[in-house]
Amino acid sequence: QWSPNPDPNLHDVIEDRHVILYRKYQVYALPTEGDAERI
């Protein structure tokens, strides 16, 4: 999962052919039963 970086002082740099995106990432393992495990 991707989401915006929660730091309010960071703002994406958007240009015609160049960008810098500030993002938070999380990866979960999804078991067949029980809760997902963040890895």
All heavy atoms as atom14 arrays in JSON, in Angstrom:
{
  "sequence": "QWSPNPDPNLHDVIEDRHVILYRKYQVYALPTEGDAERI",
  "atom14_mask": [
    [1, 1, 1, 1, 1, 1, 1, 1, 1, 0, 0, 0, 0, 0],
    [1, 1, 1, 1, 1, 1, 1, 1, 1, 1, 1, 1, 1, 1],
    [1, 1, 1, 1, 1, 1, 0, 0, 0, 0, 0, 0, 0, 0],
    [1, 1, 1, 1, 1, 1, 1, 0, 0, 0, 0, 0, 0, 0],
    [1, 1, 1, 1, 1, 1, 1, 1, 0, 0, 0, 0, 0, 0],
    [1, 1, 1, 1, 1, 1, 1, 0, 0, 0, 0, 0, 0, 0],
    [1, 1, 1, 1, 1, 1, 1, 1, 0, 0, 0, 0, 0, 0],
    [1, 1, 1, 1, 1, 1, 1, 0, 0, 0, 0, 0, 0, 0],
    [1, 1, 1, 1, 1, 1, 1, 1, 0, 0, 0, 0, 0, 0],
    [1, 1, 1, 1, 1, 1, 1, 1, 0, 0, 0, 0, 0, 0],
    [1, 1, 1, 1, 1, 1, 1, 1, 1, 1, 0, 0, 0, 0],
    [1, 1, 1, 1, 1, 1, 1, 1, 0, 0, 0, 0, 0, 0],
    [1, 1, 1, 1, 1, 1, 1, 0, 0, 0, 0, 0, 0, 0],
    [1, 1, 1, 1, 1, 1, 1, 1, 0, 0, 0, 0, 0, 0],
    [1, 1, 1, 1, 1, 1, 1, 1, 1, 0, 0, 0, 0, 0],
    [1, 1, 1, 1, 1, 1, 1, 1, 0, 0, 0, 0, 0, 0],
    [1, 1, 1, 1, 1, 1, 1, 1, 1, 1, 1, 0, 0, 0],
    [1, 1, 1, 1, 1, 1, 1, 1, 1, 1, 0, 0, 0, 0],
    [1, 1, 1, 1, 1, 1, 1, 0, 0, 0, 0, 0, 0, 0],
    [1, 1, 1, 1, 1, 1, 1, 1, 0, 0, 0, 0, 0, 0],
    [1, 1, 1, 1, 1, 1, 1, 1, 0, 0, 0, 0, 0, 0],
    [1, 1, 1, 1, 1, 1, 1, 1, 1, 1, 1, 1, 0, 0],
    [1, 1, 1, 1, 1, 1, 1, 1, 1, 1, 1, 0, 0, 0],
    [1, 1, 1, 1, 1, 1, 1, 1, 1, 0, 0, 0, 0, 0],
    [1, 1, 1, 1, 1, 1, 1, 1, 1, 1, 1, 1, 0, 0],
    [1, 1, 1, 1, 1, 1, 1, 1, 1, 0, 0, 0, 0, 0],
    [1, 1, 1, 1, 1, 1, 1, 0, 0, 0, 0, 0, 0, 0],
    [1, 1, 1, 1, 1, 1, 1, 1, 1, 1, 1, 1, 0, 0],
    [1, 1, 1, 1, 1, 0, 0, 0, 0, 0, 0, 0, 0, 0],
    [1, 1, 1, 1, 1, 1, 1, 1, 0, 0, 0, 0, 0, 0],
    [1, 1, 1, 1, 1, 1, 1, 0, 0, 0, 0, 0, 0, 0],
    [1, 1, 1, 1, 1, 1, 1, 0, 0, 0, 0, 0, 0, 0],
    [1, 1, 1, 1, 1, 1, 1, 1, 1, 0, 0, 0, 0, 0],
    [1, 1, 1, 1, 0, 0, 0, 0, 0, 0, 0, 0, 0, 0],
    [1, 1, 1, 1, 1, 1, 1, 1, 0, 0, 0, 0, 0, 0],
    [1, 1, 1, 1, 1, 0, 0, 0, 0, 0, 0, 0, 0, 0],
    [1, 1, 1, 1, 1, 1, 1, 1, 1, 0, 0, 0, 0, 0],
    [1, 1, 1, 1, 1, 1, 1, 1, 1, 1, 1, 0, 0, 0],
    [1, 1, 1, 1, 1, 1, 1, 1, 0, 0, 0, 0, 0, 0]
  ],
  "atom14_positions": [
    [[0.83, -1.2, 0.0], [0.0, 0.0, 0.0], [0.87, 1.25, 0.0], [1.85, 1.33, 0.74], [-0.91, 0.01, 1.24], [-1.81, -1.2, 1.35], [-2.61, -1.21, 2.64], [-2.56, -0.26, 3.43], [-3.34, -2.29, 2.88], [0.0, 0.0, 0.0], [0.0, 0.0, 0.0], [0.0, 0.0, 0.0], [0.0, 0.0, 0.0], [0.0, 0.0, 0.0]],
    [[0.5, 2.22, -0.84], [1.13, 3.53, -0.87], [0.16, 4.56, -0.3], [-1.05, 4.48, -0.53], [1.46, 3.96, -2.3], [2.46, 3.14, -3.04], [2.2, 2.19, -3.99], [3.88, 3.2, -2.93], [3.37, 1.66, -4.47], [4.43, 2.27, -3.85], [4.75, 3.97, -2.15], [5.79, 2.08, -4.0], [6.12, 3.77, -2.3], [6.63, 2.84, -3.21]],
    [[0.68, 5.56, 0.4], [-0.13, 6.67, 0.88], [0.77, 7.9, 0.97], [2.0, 7.78, 0.96], [-0.77, 6.36, 2.24], [0.24, 6.07, 3.2], [0.0, 0.0, 0.0], [0.0, 0.0, 0.0], [0.0, 0.0, 0.0], [0.0, 0.0, 0.0], [0.0, 0.0, 0.0], [0.0, 0.0, 0.0], [0.0, 0.0, 0.0], [0.0, 0.0, 0.0]],
    [[0.2, 9.1, 1.04], [1.04, 10.31, 1.15], [1.88, 10.29, 2.42], [1.45, 9.79, 3.45], [0.01, 11.44, 1.16], [-1.2, 10.87, 0.52], [-1.23, 9.43, 0.9], [0.0, 0.0, 0.0], [0.0, 0.0, 0.0], [0.0, 0.0, 0.0], [0.0, 0.0, 0.0], [0.0, 0.0, 0.0], [0.0, 0.0, 0.0], [0.0, 0.0, 0.0]],
    [[3.08, 10.85, 2.34], [3.89, 11.06, 3.53], [3.11, 11.98, 4.48], [2.65, 13.05, 4.07], [5.23, 11.69, 3.14], [6.21, 11.76, 4.3], [5.87, 12.21, 5.39], [7.44, 11.34, 4.05], [0.0, 0.0, 0.0], [0.0, 0.0, 0.0], [0.0, 0.0, 0.0], [0.0, 0.0, 0.0], [0.0, 0.0, 0.0], [0.0, 0.0, 0.0]],
    [[2.96, 11.6, 5.74], [2.14, 12.41, 6.65], [2.78, 13.73, 7.08], [2.11, 14.55, 7.72], [1.94, 11.49, 7.86], [3.11, 10.55, 7.82], [3.42, 10.34, 6.37], [0.0, 0.0, 0.0], [0.0, 0.0, 0.0], [0.0, 0.0, 0.0], [0.0, 0.0, 0.0], [0.0, 0.0, 0.0], [0.0, 0.0, 0.0], [0.0, 0.0, 0.0]],
    [[4.05, 13.96, 6.73], [4.71, 15.21, 7.1], [4.07, 16.37, 6.34], [4.17, 16.44, 5.1], [6.2, 15.11, 6.77], [7.0, 16.31, 7.27], [6.4, 17.37, 7.53], [8.24, 16.19, 7.39], [0.0, 0.0, 0.0], [0.0, 0.0, 0.0], [0.0, 0.0, 0.0], [0.0, 0.0, 0.0], [0.0, 0.0, 0.0], [0.0, 0.0, 0.0]],
    [[3.44, 17.33, 7.03], [2.76, 18.42, 6.33], [3.71, 19.4, 5.65], [3.27, 20.23, 4.83], [1.97, 19.11, 7.45], [2.75, 18.81, 8.7], [3.31, 17.43, 8.5], [0.0, 0.0, 0.0], [0.0, 0.0, 0.0], [0.0, 0.0, 0.0], [0.0, 0.0, 0.0], [0.0, 0.0, 0.0], [0.0, 0.0, 0.0], [0.0, 0.0, 0.0]],
    [[4.99, 19.32, 5.95], [5.96, 20.23, 5.36], [6.49, 19.73, 4.01], [7.24, 20.45, 3.34], [7.14, 20.43, 6.31], [6.71, 21.09, 7.61], [5.98, 22.09, 7.59], [7.15, 20.54, 8.74], [0.0, 0.0, 0.0], [0.0, 0.0, 0.0], [0.0, 0.0, 0.0], [0.0, 0.0, 0.0], [0.0, 0.0, 0.0], [0.0, 0.0, 0.0]],
    [[6.13, 18.51, 3.63], [6.6, 17.95, 2.37], [5.51, 18.09, 1.31], [4.35, 17.73, 1.55], [6.97, 16.47, 2.55], [8.2, 16.19, 3.42], [8.38, 14.69, 3.6], [9.45, 16.81, 2.81], [0.0, 0.0, 0.0], [0.0, 0.0, 0.0], [0.0, 0.0, 0.0], [0.0, 0.0, 0.0], [0.0, 0.0, 0.0], [0.0, 0.0, 0.0]],
    [[5.91, 18.57, 0.15], [4.97, 18.76, -0.95], [5.58, 18.16, -2.22], [6.75, 18.42, -2.53], [4.65, 20.23, -1.16], [4.13, 20.91, 0.06], [2.83, 20.77, 0.5], [4.74, 21.73, 0.97], [2.65, 21.46, 1.61], [3.79, 22.06, 1.92], [0.0, 0.0, 0.0], [0.0, 0.0, 0.0], [0.0, 0.0, 0.0], [0.0, 0.0, 0.0]],
    [[4.81, 17.38, -2.93], [5.3, 16.76, -4.16], [5.81, 17.83, -5.13], [5.22, 18.92, -5.24], [4.18, 15.96, -4.83], [3.77, 14.73, -4.03], [4.52, 14.33, -3.12], [2.7, 14.17, -4.34], [0.0, 0.0, 0.0], [0.0, 0.0, 0.0], [0.0, 0.0, 0.0], [0.0, 0.0, 0.0], [0.0, 0.0, 0.0], [0.0, 0.0, 0.0]],
    [[6.89, 17.49, -5.82], [7.43, 18.34, -6.88], [6.89, 17.81, -8.21], [7.17, 16.67, -8.58], [8.97, 18.32, -6.88], [9.51, 19.15, -8.04], [9.51, 18.82, -5.55], [0.0, 0.0, 0.0], [0.0, 0.0, 0.0], [0.0, 0.0, 0.0], [0.0, 0.0, 0.0], [0.0, 0.0, 0.0], [0.0, 0.0, 0.0], [0.0, 0.0, 0.0]],
    [[6.1, 18.6, -8.89], [5.46, 18.16, -10.12], [5.91, 19.04, -11.28], [5.61, 20.24, -11.32], [3.92, 18.2, -10.01], [3.44, 17.42, -8.78], [3.28, 17.67, -11.28], [3.74, 15.95, -8.82], [0.0, 0.0, 0.0], [0.0, 0.0, 0.0], [0.0, 0.0, 0.0], [0.0, 0.0, 0.0], [0.0, 0.0, 0.0], [0.0, 0.0, 0.0]],
    [[6.64, 18.46, -12.21], [7.05, 19.14, -13.43], [6.6, 18.31, -14.62], [6.08, 17.21, -14.46], [8.57, 19.35, -13.43], [9.05, 20.21, -12.26], [10.56, 20.24, -12.12], [11.23, 19.37, -12.71], [11.05, 21.13, -11.42], [0.0, 0.0, 0.0], [0.0, 0.0, 0.0], [0.0, 0.0, 0.0], [0.0, 0.0, 0.0], [0.0, 0.0, 0.0]],
    [[6.81, 18.86, -15.81], [6.29, 18.22, -17.02], [6.79, 16.79, -17.17], [6.01, 15.87, -17.41], [6.65, 19.05, -18.25], [6.01, 18.51, -19.51], [4.88, 17.97, -19.41], [6.61, 18.62, -20.59], [0.0, 0.0, 0.0], [0.0, 0.0, 0.0], [0.0, 0.0, 0.0], [0.0, 0.0, 0.0], [0.0, 0.0, 0.0], [0.0, 0.0, 0.0]],
    [[8.09, 16.61, -17.04], [8.66, 15.27, -17.22], [9.52, 14.85, -16.04], [10.4, 13.99, -16.17], [9.48, 15.2, -18.53], [8.63, 15.36, -19.77], [9.4, 14.96, -21.02], [8.6, 15.1, -22.22], [8.98, 14.7, -23.44], [10.18, 14.12, -23.59], [8.19, 14.86, -24.48], [0.0, 0.0, 0.0], [0.0, 0.0, 0.0], [0.0, 0.0, 0.0]],
    [[9.27, 15.45, -14.9], [10.06, 15.13, -13.71], [9.2, 15.37, -12.48], [8.55, 16.41, -12.36], [11.32, 16.01, -13.67], [12.1, 15.88, -12.4], [12.05, 16.82, -11.38], [12.95, 14.92, -11.96], [12.84, 16.45, -10.39], [13.39, 15.31, -10.7], [0.0, 0.0, 0.0], [0.0, 0.0, 0.0], [0.0, 0.0, 0.0], [0.0, 0.0, 0.0]],
    [[9.17, 14.38, -11.59], [8.43, 14.55, -10.34], [9.24, 13.96, -9.19], [10.08, 13.08, -9.38], [7.04, 13.87, -10.37], [6.18, 14.41, -11.49], [7.16, 12.36, -10.45], [0.0, 0.0, 0.0], [0.0, 0.0, 0.0], [0.0, 0.0, 0.0], [0.0, 0.0, 0.0], [0.0, 0.0, 0.0], [0.0, 0.0, 0.0], [0.0, 0.0, 0.0]],
    [[8.96, 14.45, -7.99], [9.43, 13.82, -6.76], [8.19, 13.66, -5.87], [7.54, 14.66, -5.52], [10.5, 14.65, -6.03], [11.72, 14.86, -6.93], [10.92, 13.95, -4.73], [12.78, 15.77, -6.32], [0.0, 0.0, 0.0], [0.0, 0.0, 0.0], [0.0, 0.0, 0.0], [0.0, 0.0, 0.0], [0.0, 0.0, 0.0], [0.0, 0.0, 0.0]],
    [[7.85, 12.43, -5.57], [6.68, 12.13, -4.74], [7.15, 11.69, -3.36], [8.08, 10.89, -3.24], [5.84, 11.03, -5.38], [5.37, 11.25, -6.82], [4.49, 10.09, -7.26], [4.64, 12.57, -6.98], [0.0, 0.0, 0.0], [0.0, 0.0, 0.0], [0.0, 0.0, 0.0], [0.0, 0.0, 0.0], [0.0, 0.0, 0.0], [0.0, 0.0, 0.0]],
    [[6.49, 12.21, -2.35], [6.82, 11.83, -0.97], [5.72, 10.88, -0.48], [4.56, 11.29, -0.33], [6.91, 13.08, -0.09], [8.0, 14.02, -0.55], [7.71, 15.12, -1.35], [9.33, 13.79, -0.19], [8.72, 15.97, -1.78], [10.34, 14.63, -0.62], [10.04, 15.72, -1.41], [11.04, 16.55, -1.84], [0.0, 0.0, 0.0], [0.0, 0.0, 0.0]],
    [[6.09, 9.64, -0.25], [5.1, 8.61, 0.03], [5.48, 7.76, 1.25], [6.65, 7.61, 1.6], [4.94, 7.68, -1.18], [4.36, 8.34, -2.42], [2.93, 8.76, -2.22], [2.34, 9.37, -3.41], [2.29, 10.67, -3.63], [2.82, 11.51, -2.74], [1.72, 11.15, -4.73], [0.0, 0.0, 0.0], [0.0, 0.0, 0.0], [0.0, 0.0, 0.0]],
    [[4.44, 7.2, 1.84], [4.58, 6.18, 2.87], [4.21, 4.84, 2.25], [3.27, 4.76, 1.45], [3.65, 6.48, 4.05], [3.67, 5.43, 5.16], [2.76, 5.86, 6.32], [2.79, 4.84, 7.45], [1.98, 5.3, 8.61], [0.0, 0.0, 0.0], [0.0, 0.0, 0.0], [0.0, 0.0, 0.0], [0.0, 0.0, 0.0], [0.0, 0.0, 0.0]],
    [[4.95, 3.8, 2.56], [4.63, 2.47, 2.04], [4.46, 1.5, 3.21], [5.09, 1.64, 4.26], [5.72, 1.97, 1.08], [7.09, 1.88, 1.71], [7.49, 0.76, 2.44], [8.0, 2.94, 1.61], [8.75, 0.69, 3.04], [9.25, 2.89, 2.19], [9.62, 1.76, 2.91], [10.86, 1.69, 3.51], [0.0, 0.0, 0.0], [0.0, 0.0, 0.0]],
    [[3.59, 0.53, 3.0], [3.4, -0.56, 3.94], [3.16, -1.83, 3.15], [2.48, -1.8, 2.12], [2.21, -0.29, 4.87], [2.36, 0.95, 5.73], [1.18, 1.16, 6.66], [1.09, 0.55, 7.72], [0.25, 2.01, 6.26], [0.0, 0.0, 0.0], [0.0, 0.0, 0.0], [0.0, 0.0, 0.0], [0.0, 0.0, 0.0], [0.0, 0.0, 0.0]],
    [[3.72, -2.93, 3.62], [3.5, -4.22, 2.98], [2.99, -5.18, 4.05], [3.56, -5.28, 5.14], [4.79, -4.78, 2.34], [4.48, -6.12, 1.64], [5.38, -3.78, 1.35], [0.0, 0.0, 0.0], [0.0, 0.0, 0.0], [0.0, 0.0, 0.0], [0.0, 0.0, 0.0], [0.0, 0.0, 0.0], [0.0, 0.0, 0.0], [0.0, 0.0, 0.0]],
    [[1.9, -5.86, 3.71], [1.3, -6.82, 4.63], [1.34, -8.22, 4.05], [1.17, -8.41, 2.83], [-0.16, -6.45, 4.9], [-0.34, -5.18, 5.7], [-0.4, -3.94, 5.06], [-0.46, -5.21, 7.08], [-0.56, -2.77, 5.79], [-0.63, -4.04, 7.82], [-0.68, -2.83, 7.16], [-0.83, -1.67, 7.89], [0.0, 0.0, 0.0], [0.0, 0.0, 0.0]],
    [[1.56, -9.21, 4.9], [1.35, -10.6, 4.55], [-0.05, -10.96, 4.99], [-0.45, -10.66, 6.12], [2.38, -11.5, 5.23], [0.0, 0.0, 0.0], [0.0, 0.0, 0.0], [0.0, 0.0, 0.0], [0.0, 0.0, 0.0], [0.0, 0.0, 0.0], [0.0, 0.0, 0.0], [0.0, 0.0, 0.0], [0.0, 0.0, 0.0], [0.0, 0.0, 0.0]],
    [[-0.81, -11.58, 4.09], [-2.22, -11.86, 4.34], [-2.41, -13.35, 4.59], [-2.45, -14.15, 3.65], [-3.05, -11.42, 3.13], [-2.85, -9.98, 2.67], [-3.69, -9.7, 1.43], [-3.2, -9.0, 3.78], [0.0, 0.0, 0.0], [0.0, 0.0, 0.0], [0.0, 0.0, 0.0], [0.0, 0.0, 0.0], [0.0, 0.0, 0.0], [0.0, 0.0, 0.0]],
    [[-2.55, -13.75, 5.85], [-2.75, -15.17, 6.14], [-4.13, -15.63, 5.71], [-5.04, -14.81, 5.51], [-2.6, -15.24, 7.67], [-3.03, -13.89, 8.14], [-2.59, -12.93, 7.06], [0.0, 0.0, 0.0], [0.0, 0.0, 0.0], [0.0, 0.0, 0.0], [0.0, 0.0, 0.0], [0.0, 0.0, 0.0], [0.0, 0.0, 0.0], [0.0, 0.0, 0.0]],
    [[-4.31, -16.92, 5.56], [-5.62, -17.45, 5.2], [-6.62, -17.27, 6.33], [-7.82, -17.2, 6.1], [-5.51, -18.94, 4.84], [-4.87, -19.63, 5.94], [-4.67, -19.13, 3.59], [0.0, 0.0, 0.0], [0.0, 0.0, 0.0], [0.0, 0.0, 0.0], [0.0, 0.0, 0.0], [0.0, 0.0, 0.0], [0.0, 0.0, 0.0], [0.0, 0.0, 0.0]],
    [[-6.13, -17.16, 7.56], [-6.99, -16.9, 8.71], [-6.28, -15.9, 9.63], [-5.07, -15.83, 9.69], [-7.27, -18.19, 9.49], [-8.09, -19.21, 8.72], [-8.39, -20.45, 9.55], [-7.98, -20.49, 10.73], [-9.03, -21.37, 9.02], [0.0, 0.0, 0.0], [0.0, 0.0, 0.0], [0.0, 0.0, 0.0], [0.0, 0.0, 0.0], [0.0, 0.0, 0.0]],
    [[-7.05, -15.14, 10.37], [-6.47, -14.2, 11.32], [-6.12, -12.86, 10.7], [-6.46, -12.56, 9.55], [0.0, 0.0, 0.0], [0.0, 0.0, 0.0], [0.0, 0.0, 0.0], [0.0, 0.0, 0.0], [0.0, 0.0, 0.0], [0.0, 0.0, 0.0], [0.0, 0.0, 0.0], [0.0, 0.0, 0.0], [0.0, 0.0, 0.0], [0.0, 0.0, 0.0]],
    [[-5.42, -12.05, 11.47], [-5.09, -10.69, 11.05], [-3.9, -10.65, 10.1], [-3.02, -11.51, 10.14], [-4.77, -9.83, 12.27], [-5.96, -9.68, 13.21], [-7.11, -9.76, 12.71], [-5.74, -9.49, 14.42], [0.0, 0.0, 0.0], [0.0, 0.0, 0.0], [0.0, 0.0, 0.0], [0.0, 0.0, 0.0], [0.0, 0.0, 0.0], [0.0, 0.0, 0.0]],
    [[-3.88, -9.62, 9.25], [-2.73, -9.39, 8.38], [-1.51, -9.02, 9.22], [-1.63, -8.41, 10.28], [-3.04, -8.29, 7.38], [0.0, 0.0, 0.0], [0.0, 0.0, 0.0], [0.0, 0.0, 0.0], [0.0, 0.0, 0.0], [0.0, 0.0, 0.0], [0.0, 0.0, 0.0], [0.0, 0.0, 0.0], [0.0, 0.0, 0.0], [0.0, 0.0, 0.0]],
    [[-0.34, -9.4, 8.72], [0.92, -9.13, 9.42], [1.73, -8.12, 8.61], [2.08, -8.39, 7.46], [1.72, -10.42, 9.59], [3.09, -10.21, 10.23], [3.97, -11.44, 10.12], [3.66, -12.35, 9.33], [4.99, -11.48, 10.84], [0.0, 0.0, 0.0], [0.0, 0.0, 0.0], [0.0, 0.0, 0.0], [0.0, 0.0, 0.0], [0.0, 0.0, 0.0]],
    [[2.03, -6.98, 9.2], [2.84, -6.0, 8.48], [4.29, -6.45, 8.48], [4.86, -6.76, 9.53], [2.71, -4.63, 9.11], [3.33, -3.52, 8.27], [2.89, -2.14, 8.73], [3.28, -1.9, 10.12], [2.77, -0.92, 10.87], [1.85, -0.1, 10.36], [3.17, -0.74, 12.11], [0.0, 0.0, 0.0], [0.0, 0.0, 0.0], [0.0, 0.0, 0.0]],
    [[4.89, -6.48, 7.3], [6.27, -6.96, 7.19], [7.22, -5.88, 6.64], [8.41, -6.13, 6.52], [6.36, -8.22, 6.31], [5.74, -7.99, 4.93], [5.7, -9.4, 7.01], [5.88, -9.16, 3.98], [0.0, 0.0, 0.0], [0.0, 0.0, 0.0], [0.0, 0.0, 0.0], [0.0, 0.0, 0.0], [0.0, 0.0, 0.0], [0.0, 0.0, 0.0]]
  ]
}
